[in-house]
C-alpha atoms as a PDB file:
ATOM      1  CA  MET A   1      82.919 115.969  83.513  1.00  0.00           C
ATOM      2  CA  LYS A   2      84.419 118.050  86.312  1.00  0.00           C
ATOM      3  CA  VAL A   3      87.143 116.469  88.435  1.00  0.00           C
ATOM      4  CA  VAL A   4      89.161 117.512  91.505  1.00  0.00           C
ATOM      5  CA  ILE A   5      92.619 116.049  92.132  1.00  0.00           C
ATOM      6  CA  ILE A   6      93.879 115.962  95.720  1.00  0.00           C
ATOM      7  CA  GLU A   7      97.588 115.168  95.471  1.00  0.00           C
ATOM      8  CA  ASP A   8     100.623 116.791  97.094  1.00  0.00           C
ATOM      9  CA  GLU A   9     103.238 115.828  94.492  1.00  0.00           C
ATOM     10  CA  PRO A  10     103.307 118.056  91.359  1.00  0.00           C
ATOM     11  CA  PHE A  11     104.734 115.257  89.202  1.00  0.00           C
ATOM     12  CA  ALA A  12     101.856 112.987  90.211  1.00  0.00           C
ATOM     13  CA  GLN A  13      99.335 115.767  89.521  1.00  0.00           C
ATOM     14  CA  ASN A  14     100.746 116.288  86.039  1.00  0.00           C
ATOM     15  CA  GLU A  15     100.915 112.579  85.249  1.00  0.00           C
ATOM     16  CA  LEU A  16      97.328 111.922  86.341  1.00  0.00           C
ATOM     17  CA  THR A  17      96.189 114.948  84.339  1.00  0.00           C
ATOM     18  CA  ARG A  18      97.969 113.620  81.261  1.00  0.00           C
ATOM     19  CA  LEU A  19      96.399 110.177  81.635  1.00  0.00           C
ATOM     20  CA  LEU A  20      92.918 111.637  82.161  1.00  0.00           C
ATOM     21  CA  ASN A  21      93.245 113.801  79.052  1.00  0.00           C
ATOM     22  CA  ARG A  22      94.100 110.698  77.041  1.00  0.00           C
ATOM     23  CA  VAL A  23      90.906 109.015  78.237  1.00  0.00           C
ATOM     24  CA  ASP A  24      88.459 111.838  77.605  1.00  0.00           C
ATOM     25  CA  ALA A  25      89.162 115.362  76.341  1.00  0.00           C
ATOM     26  CA  ASP A  26      85.913 116.528  77.978  1.00  0.00           C
ATOM     27  CA  ILE A  27      87.278 115.884  81.488  1.00  0.00           C
ATOM     28  CA  GLU A  28      87.811 119.259  83.181  1.00  0.00           C
ATOM     29  CA  ILE A  29      90.092 119.406  86.210  1.00  0.00           C
ATOM     30  CA  ILE A  30      88.677 122.312  88.186  1.00  0.00           C
ATOM     31  CA  LYS A  31      91.000 122.200  91.193  1.00  0.00           C
ATOM     32  CA  TYR A  32      94.293 120.772  92.417  1.00  0.00           C
ATOM     33  CA  ILE A  33      94.552 120.459  96.211  1.00  0.00           C
ATOM     34  CA  ASP A  34      97.695 119.370  98.052  1.00  0.00           C
ATOM     35  CA  SER A  35      96.781 119.143 101.744  1.00  0.00           C
ATOM     36  CA  VAL A  36      94.118 117.947 104.183  1.00  0.00           C
ATOM     37  CA  GLU A  37      93.598 121.497 105.443  1.00  0.00           C
ATOM     38  CA  ASP A  38      93.069 122.994 101.998  1.00  0.00           C
ATOM     39  CA  ALA A  39      90.741 120.133 101.004  1.00  0.00           C
ATOM     40  CA  ILE A  40      88.509 120.735 104.021  1.00  0.00           C
ATOM     41  CA  GLU A  41      88.351 124.460 103.260  1.00  0.00           C
ATOM     42  CA  TRP A  42      87.631 123.970  99.536  1.00  0.00           C
ATOM     43  CA  PHE A  43      84.898 121.350  99.956  1.00  0.00           C
ATOM     44  CA  SER A  44      83.297 123.454 102.678  1.00  0.00           C
ATOM     45  CA  ASN A  45      82.912 126.406 100.321  1.00  0.00           C
ATOM     46  CA  ASN A  46      82.465 125.018  96.805  1.00  0.00           C
ATOM     47  CA  GLU A  47      80.122 122.839  94.798  1.00  0.00           C
ATOM     48  CA  HIS A  48      81.364 119.262  94.801  1.00  0.00           C
ATOM     49  CA  PRO A  49      82.320 117.713  91.446  1.00  0.00           C
ATOM     50  CA  PRO A  50      81.103 114.305  90.235  1.00  0.00           C
ATOM     51  CA  LEU A  51      84.543 112.705  90.773  1.00  0.00           C
ATOM     52  CA  VAL A  52      87.537 113.220  93.081  1.00  0.00           C
ATOM     53  CA  PHE A  53      90.945 111.557  92.853  1.00  0.00           C
ATOM     54  CA  LEU A  54      92.316 111.449  96.379  1.00  0.00           C
ATOM     55  CA  ASP A  55      95.869 110.549  97.404  1.00  0.00           C
ATOM     56  CA  ILE A  56      95.988 108.687 100.724  1.00  0.00           C
ATOM     57  CA  GLN A  57      99.157 110.289 102.120  1.00  0.00           C
ATOM     58  CA  LEU A  58      99.201 114.096 101.894  1.00  0.00           C
ATOM     59  CA  SER A  59     101.790 116.598 103.089  1.00  0.00           C
ATOM     60  CA  ASP A  60      99.957 117.315 106.350  1.00  0.00           C
ATOM     61  CA  GLY A  61      98.362 113.956 107.143  1.00  0.00           C
ATOM     62  CA  ILE A  62      96.267 111.012 106.004  1.00  0.00           C
ATOM     63  CA  SER A  63      93.544 112.060 103.573  1.00  0.00           C
ATOM     64  CA  PHE A  64      90.841 110.091 105.408  1.00  0.00           C
ATOM     65  CA  GLU A  65      91.002 112.855 108.021  1.00  0.00           C
ATOM     66  CA  ILE A  66      89.178 115.093 105.546  1.00  0.00           C
ATOM     67  CA  PHE A  67      85.980 113.098 106.110  1.00  0.00           C
ATOM     68  CA  ASN A  68      86.032 113.876 109.834  1.00  0.00           C
ATOM     69  CA  SER A  69      85.403 117.536 109.030  1.00  0.00           C
ATOM     70  CA  VAL A  70      83.365 117.584 105.829  1.00  0.00           C
ATOM     71  CA  THR A  71      81.050 115.267 103.906  1.00  0.00           C
ATOM     72  CA  ILE A  72      82.144 114.998 100.298  1.00  0.00           C
ATOM     73  CA  HIS A  73      79.237 114.484  97.900  1.00  0.00           C
ATOM     74  CA  SER A  74      81.400 113.066  95.138  1.00  0.00           C
ATOM     75  CA  SER A  75      82.505 109.698  93.898  1.00  0.00           C
ATOM     76  CA  ILE A  76      86.070 109.054  95.052  1.00  0.00           C
ATOM     77  CA  ILE A  77      88.907 107.107  93.510  1.00  0.00           C
ATOM     78  CA  PHE A  78      91.823 106.802  95.925  1.00  0.00           C
ATOM     79  CA  THR A  79      95.402 106.778  94.675  1.00  0.00           C
ATOM     80  CA  THR A  80      98.117 105.221  96.803  1.00  0.00           C
ATOM     81  CA  ALA A  81     101.689 103.980  96.886  1.00  0.00           C
ATOM     82  CA  TYR A  82     100.883 101.594  99.742  1.00  0.00           C
ATOM     83  CA  ASP A  83     101.503  97.870  99.601  1.00  0.00           C
ATOM     84  CA  GLU A  84      98.978  95.554  98.019  1.00  0.00           C
ATOM     85  CA  TYR A  85      97.847  94.059 101.333  1.00  0.00           C
ATOM     86  CA  ALA A  86      96.741  97.497 102.509  1.00  0.00           C
ATOM     87  CA  ILE A  87      94.804  98.074  99.287  1.00  0.00           C
ATOM     88  CA  ARG A  88      92.993  94.760  99.756  1.00  0.00           C
ATOM     89  CA  ALA A  89      92.006  95.843 103.249  1.00  0.00           C
ATOM     90  CA  PHE A  90      90.757  99.214 102.000  1.00  0.00           C
ATOM     91  CA  LYS A  91      88.740  97.506  99.258  1.00  0.00           C
ATOM     92  CA  LEU A  92      86.579  95.860 101.907  1.00  0.00           C
ATOM     93  CA  ASN A  93      84.836  99.250 101.942  1.00  0.00           C
ATOM     94  CA  SER A  94      84.026  98.891  98.201  1.00  0.00           C
ATOM     95  CA  ILE A  95      85.787 102.112  97.144  1.00  0.00           C
ATOM     96  CA  ASP A  96      88.010 102.055  94.071  1.00  0.00           C
ATOM     97  CA  TYR A  97      91.813 102.418  94.312  1.00  0.00           C
ATOM     98  CA  LEU A  98      94.675 102.977  91.901  1.00  0.00           C
ATOM     99  CA  LEU A  99      98.195 101.926  92.797  1.00  0.00           C
ATOM    100  CA  LYS A 100     100.969 104.401  91.962  1.00  0.00           C
ATOM    101  CA  PRO A 101     102.514 104.759  89.468  1.00  0.00           C
ATOM    102  CA  ILE A 102      99.109 104.837  87.835  1.00  0.00           C
ATOM    103  CA  ASP A 103      98.710 102.685  84.764  1.00  0.00           C
ATOM    104  CA  GLN A 104      96.599 103.947  81.831  1.00  0.00           C
ATOM    105  CA  GLU A 105      94.660 100.701  81.571  1.00  0.00           C
ATOM    106  CA  ALA A 106      93.887 100.658  85.295  1.00  0.00           C
ATOM    107  CA  LEU A 107      92.719 104.276  85.130  1.00  0.00           C
ATOM    108  CA  ASN A 108      90.490 103.513  82.147  1.00  0.00           C
ATOM    109  CA  SER A 109      88.956 100.616  84.049  1.00  0.00           C
ATOM    110  CA  SER A 110      88.286 102.771  87.120  1.00  0.00           C
ATOM    111  CA  LEU A 111      86.608 105.465  85.048  1.00  0.00           C
ATOM    112  CA  GLU A 112      84.431 102.898  83.270  1.00  0.00           C
ATOM    113  CA  LYS A 113      83.450 101.465  86.628  1.00  0.00           C
ATOM    114  CA  PHE A 114      82.658 104.963  87.898  1.00  0.00           C
ATOM    115  CA  LYS A 115      80.442 105.707  84.912  1.00  0.00           C
ATOM    116  CA  SER A 116      78.525 102.436  85.168  1.00  0.00           C
ATOM    117  CA  MET A 117      78.137 102.476  88.963  1.00  0.00           C
ATOM    118  CA  LYS A 118      78.134 106.195  89.715  1.00  0.00           C
ATOM    119  CA  ASP A 119      75.230 106.261  92.168  1.00  0.00           C
ATOM    120  CA  ARG A 120      76.568 103.350  94.207  1.00  0.00           C
ATOM    121  CA  PHE A 121      80.064 104.852  94.377  1.00  0.00           C
ATOM    122  CA  GLN A 122      78.724 108.190  95.574  1.00  0.00           C
ATOM    123  CA  LYS A 123      76.559 106.564  98.210  1.00  0.00           C
ATOM    124  CA  GLN A 124      79.406 104.415  99.531  1.00  0.00           C
ATOM    125  CA  ALA A 125      82.020 107.149  99.369  1.00  0.00           C
ATOM    126  CA  THR A 126      79.989 109.397 101.650  1.00  0.00           C
ATOM    127  CA  SER A 127      78.416 106.822 103.967  1.00  0.00           C
ATOM    128  CA  LEU A 128      81.492 105.606 105.853  1.00  0.00           C
ATOM    129  CA  ASN A 129      80.879 106.182 109.540  1.00  0.00           C
ATOM    130  CA  ILE A 130      83.408 107.748 111.908  1.00  0.00           C
ATOM    131  CA  ASP A 131      84.540 104.386 113.301  1.00  0.00           C
ATOM    132  CA  GLN A 132      85.320 103.108 109.793  1.00  0.00           C
ATOM    133  CA  LEU A 133      87.244 106.274 108.992  1.00  0.00           C
ATOM    134  CA  HIS A 134      89.287 106.021 112.186  1.00  0.00           C
ATOM    135  CA  ASN A 135      90.095 102.403 111.325  1.00  0.00           C
ATOM    136  CA  LEU A 136      91.285 103.468 107.884  1.00  0.00           C
ATOM    137  CA  ILE A 137      93.415 106.242 109.376  1.00  0.00           C
ATOM    138  CA  GLN A 138      94.953 103.829 111.874  1.00  0.00           C
ATOM    139  CA  LEU A 139      95.627 101.251 109.168  1.00  0.00           C
ATOM    140  CA  ALA A 140      97.343 103.798 106.954  1.00  0.00           C
ATOM    141  CA  GLY A 141      99.266 105.197 109.891  1.00  0.00           C
ATOM    142  CA  ALA A 142     100.262 101.728 111.104  1.00  0.00           C
ATOM    143  CA  LYS A 143     101.727 100.971 107.710  1.00  0.00           C
ATOM    144  CA  SER A 144     103.821 104.115 107.666  1.00  0.00           C
ATOM    145  CA  ALA A 145     103.605 107.574 109.161  1.00  0.00           C
ATOM    146  CA  TYR A 146     106.150 108.519 106.518  1.00  0.00           C
ATOM    147  CA  LYS A 147     106.380 108.019 102.785  1.00  0.00           C
ATOM    148  CA  ASN A 148     107.794 104.691 101.667  1.00  0.00           C
ATOM    149  CA  ARG A 149     108.204 105.867  98.067  1.00  0.00           C
ATOM    150  CA  LEU A 150     109.255 109.142  96.490  1.00  0.00           C
ATOM    151  CA  LEU A 151     108.220 110.394  93.070  1.00  0.00           C
ATOM    152  CA  THR A 152     111.156 111.330  90.840  1.00  0.00           C
ATOM    153  CA  LYS A 153     111.823 112.439  87.287  1.00  0.00           C
ATOM    154  CA  ILE A 154     114.541 110.886  85.116  1.00  0.00           C
ATOM    155  CA  GLY A 155     114.581 112.521  81.693  1.00  0.00           C
ATOM    156  CA  ASP A 156     110.985 112.414  80.469  1.00  0.00           C
ATOM    157  CA  GLN A 157     110.071 109.466  82.726  1.00  0.00           C
ATOM    158  CA  ILE A 158     108.348 109.663  86.082  1.00  0.00           C
ATOM    159  CA  ARG A 159     109.226 106.922  88.547  1.00  0.00           C
ATOM    160  CA  PHE A 160     108.684 105.927  92.154  1.00  0.00           C
ATOM    161  CA  ILE A 161     111.758 105.049  94.214  1.00  0.00           C
ATOM    162  CA  LYS A 162     111.476 103.233  97.535  1.00  0.00           C
ATOM    163  CA  THR A 163     112.895 105.321 100.364  1.00  0.00           C
ATOM    164  CA  GLU A 164     115.033 102.376 101.457  1.00  0.00           C
ATOM    165  CA  ASP A 165     116.779 102.645  98.068  1.00  0.00           C
ATOM    166  CA  VAL A 166     117.575 106.349  98.537  1.00  0.00           C
ATOM    167  CA  ALA A 167     121.189 107.006  99.550  1.00  0.00           C
ATOM    168  CA  TYR A 168     120.868 110.758  99.954  1.00  0.00           C
ATOM    169  CA  ILE A 169     118.991 113.804  98.707  1.00  0.00           C
ATOM    170  CA  TYR A 170     120.696 117.131  98.094  1.00  0.00           C
ATOM    171  CA  ALA A 171     120.077 120.621  96.744  1.00  0.00           C
ATOM    172  CA  GLU A 172     122.212 121.854  93.852  1.00  0.00           C
ATOM    173  CA  ASP A 173     121.714 124.901  91.618  1.00  0.00           C
ATOM    174  CA  ASN A 174     118.104 125.422  92.803  1.00  0.00           C
ATOM    175  CA  VAL A 175     117.222 121.787  92.032  1.00  0.00           C
ATOM    176  CA  VAL A 176     116.656 118.964  94.521  1.00  0.00           C
ATOM    177  CA  LEU A 177     118.317 115.734  93.422  1.00  0.00           C
ATOM    178  CA  LEU A 178     117.976 112.176  94.680  1.00  0.00           C
ATOM    179  CA  MET A 179     120.862 109.710  94.532  1.00  0.00           C
ATOM    180  CA  ASN A 180     119.867 106.074  94.843  1.00  0.00           C
ATOM    181  CA  THR A 181     122.026 103.302  96.252  1.00  0.00           C
ATOM    182  CA  MET A 182     123.058 102.251  92.728  1.00  0.00           C
ATOM    183  CA  GLY A 183     124.518 105.688  91.981  1.00  0.00           C
ATOM    184  CA  LYS A 184     121.710 106.866  89.706  1.00  0.00           C
ATOM    185  CA  LYS A 185     120.593 110.476  90.039  1.00  0.00           C
ATOM    186  CA  SER A 186     117.088 111.874  89.494  1.00  0.00           C
ATOM    187  CA  ILE A 187     115.145 115.065  90.112  1.00  0.00           C
ATOM    188  CA  ILE A 188     112.621 115.278  92.936  1.00  0.00           C
ATOM    189  CA  ASP A 189     110.022 118.037  92.873  1.00  0.00           C
ATOM    190  CA  GLN A 190     109.955 118.752  96.598  1.00  0.00           C
ATOM    191  CA  SER A 191     112.004 121.077  98.759  1.00  0.00           C
ATOM    192  CA  LEU A 192     114.215 119.749 101.552  1.00  0.00           C
ATOM    193  CA  GLU A 193     111.795 121.379 104.019  1.00  0.00           C
ATOM    194  CA  GLN A 194     108.881 119.407 102.548  1.00  0.00           C
ATOM    195  CA  LEU A 195     110.904 116.200 102.554  1.00  0.00           C
ATOM    196  CA  GLY A 196     111.682 116.699 106.223  1.00  0.00           C
ATOM    197  CA  LYS A 197     107.990 116.164 106.970  1.00  0.00           C
ATOM    198  CA  VAL A 198     107.643 112.888 105.065  1.00  0.00           C
ATOM    199  CA  LEU A 199     110.984 111.099 105.493  1.00  0.00           C
ATOM    200  CA  ASP A 200     111.388 108.666 108.394  1.00  0.00           C
ATOM    201  CA  PRO A 201     113.682 110.440 110.908  1.00  0.00           C
ATOM    202  CA  ASP A 202     115.030 107.108 112.102  1.00  0.00           C
ATOM    203  CA  LEU A 203     116.413 106.498 108.611  1.00  0.00           C
ATOM    204  CA  PHE A 204     117.101 110.003 107.267  1.00  0.00           C
ATOM    205  CA  TYR A 205     118.887 112.961 108.839  1.00  0.00           C
ATOM    206  CA  ARG A 206     119.352 116.482 107.524  1.00  0.00           C
ATOM    207  CA  ILE A 207     123.046 116.919 108.135  1.00  0.00           C
ATOM    208  CA  ASN A 208     123.173 120.487 106.805  1.00  0.00           C
ATOM    209  CA  ARG A 209     121.153 122.898 104.692  1.00  0.00           C
ATOM    210  CA  LYS A 210     121.978 120.961 101.503  1.00  0.00           C
ATOM    211  CA  TYR A 211     121.728 117.278 102.424  1.00  0.00           C
ATOM    212  CA  PHE A 212     119.399 114.595 103.757  1.00  0.00           C
ATOM    213  CA  VAL A 213     121.302 111.326 104.178  1.00  0.00           C
ATOM    214  CA  ASN A 214     120.197 107.752 104.676  1.00  0.00           C
ATOM    215  CA  LYS A 215     121.953 106.223 107.682  1.00  0.00           C
ATOM    216  CA  ASN A 216     122.925 103.226 105.559  1.00  0.00           C
ATOM    217  CA  ALA A 217     124.705 105.465 103.020  1.00  0.00           C
ATOM    218  CA  ILE A 218     127.249 106.712 105.582  1.00  0.00           C
ATOM    219  CA  GLU A 219     130.471 104.762 105.041  1.00  0.00           C
ATOM    220  CA  LYS A 220     132.813 106.668 107.373  1.00  0.00           C
ATOM    221  CA  VAL A 221     132.738 109.580 109.815  1.00  0.00           C
ATOM    222  CA  HIS A 222     135.909 111.634 110.400  1.00  0.00           C
ATOM    223  CA  LYS A 223     136.776 114.374 112.859  1.00  0.00           C
ATOM    224  CA  TYR A 224     137.304 117.623 111.000  1.00  0.00           C
ATOM    225  CA  PHE A 225     138.615 121.127 111.558  1.00  0.00           C
ATOM    226  CA  ASN A 226     136.856 123.309 114.160  1.00  0.00           C
ATOM    227  CA  SER A 227     135.149 120.360 115.943  1.00  0.00           C
ATOM    228  CA  ARG A 228     133.098 119.456 112.906  1.00  0.00           C
ATOM    229  CA  LEU A 229     132.573 116.036 111.334  1.00  0.00           C
ATOM    230  CA  LYS A 230     133.204 114.967 107.764  1.00  0.00           C
ATOM    231  CA  LEU A 231     131.189 112.160 106.174  1.00  0.00           C
ATOM    232  CA  GLU A 232     132.090 109.727 103.450  1.00  0.00           C
ATOM    233  CA  LEU A 233     128.966 108.613 101.621  1.00  0.00           C
ATOM    234  CA  LEU A 234     128.145 105.787  99.267  1.00  0.00           C
ATOM    235  CA  PRO A 235     127.771 106.509  96.395  1.00  0.00           C
ATOM    236  CA  LYS A 236     130.715 108.895  96.802  1.00  0.00           C
ATOM    237  CA  ARG A 237     130.544 112.673  96.390  1.00  0.00           C
ATOM    238  CA  ASP A 238     133.353 114.909  95.146  1.00  0.00           C
ATOM    239  CA  GLU A 239     132.590 117.671  97.656  1.00  0.00           C
ATOM    240  CA  ASP A 240     133.198 117.686 101.423  1.00  0.00           C
ATOM    241  CA  ILE A 241     130.073 116.617 103.337  1.00  0.00           C
ATOM    242  CA  LEU A 242     130.326 118.389 106.686  1.00  0.00           C
ATOM    243  CA  ILE A 243     128.333 118.497 109.900  1.00  0.00           C
ATOM    244  CA  SER A 244     128.593 121.711 111.900  1.00  0.00           C
ATOM    245  CA  ARG A 245     129.878 121.742 115.463  1.00  0.00           C
ATOM    246  CA  VAL A 246     126.432 122.543 116.876  1.00  0.00           C
ATOM    247  CA  LYS A 247     124.870 119.471 115.229  1.00  0.00           C
ATOM    248  CA  VAL A 248     127.571 116.937 116.123  1.00  0.00           C
ATOM    249  CA  HIS A 249     125.943 115.611 119.318  1.00  0.00           C
ATOM    250  CA  GLU A 250     122.507 115.362 117.710  1.00  0.00           C
ATOM    251  CA  PHE A 251     123.962 113.557 114.718  1.00  0.00           C
ATOM    252  CA  LEU A 252     125.874 111.060 116.862  1.00  0.00           C
ATOM    253  CA  ASP A 253     122.743 110.358 118.912  1.00  0.00           C
ATOM    254  CA  TRP A 254     120.855 109.691 115.681  1.00  0.00           C
ATOM    255  CA  MET A 255     123.571 107.391 114.396  1.00  0.00           C
ATOM    256  CA  GLY A 256     123.419 105.385 117.612  1.00  0.00           C
ATOM    257  CA  LYS A 257     119.684 104.677 117.399  1.00  0.00           C
END
């Protein structure tokens, strides 16, 4: 069976692929897509597979926006890190959902349901009218225009960390690392530029080219040489965390929000 995965996080792509391969070795993933724009282009120019796994929040928007531009003739299983109440609301449309991090048993159940009810899934997945789609977009957007969880790697484990539990994110030796509020460090497979599009700017600020910091992780702010500022963060860092002179006013405005 041919499958397309629409997911903007490489870790999540790899984990879903691994779980699918454990279910059925005959499953062939023919395409990975990581944005609304690329999904619209691909489905406009290629034969649609029997099944699509579709993440709700993509790097350039809510995935329901895809349906405003193209009709997908595939059964769709949505994947999401949204809260349970949102999933219950989405299920009123009788489309299947998997909550991240995806559990093997839940995936098996969804695939069995797809196989036994394939025609009904395809009909429902492509028959949502524009008003329904706009309602879904608004519901997803009302919950959060930004990601409320980030996918990280600790050793050989893949985990989701709530953004409220992130103290700061920093680049070091060509790797992007996340430090949580408990002082535990993990790898995140996104660049700081990509994170800038999905982190809530009221909570996170890019203080320099190396760091995004959570407002709640800033313990002290000191005046520093050449009109710069020096931050003390929790958990503590051994290096000086500095804000350049040109960003001082912007940073102070952000802190005062």
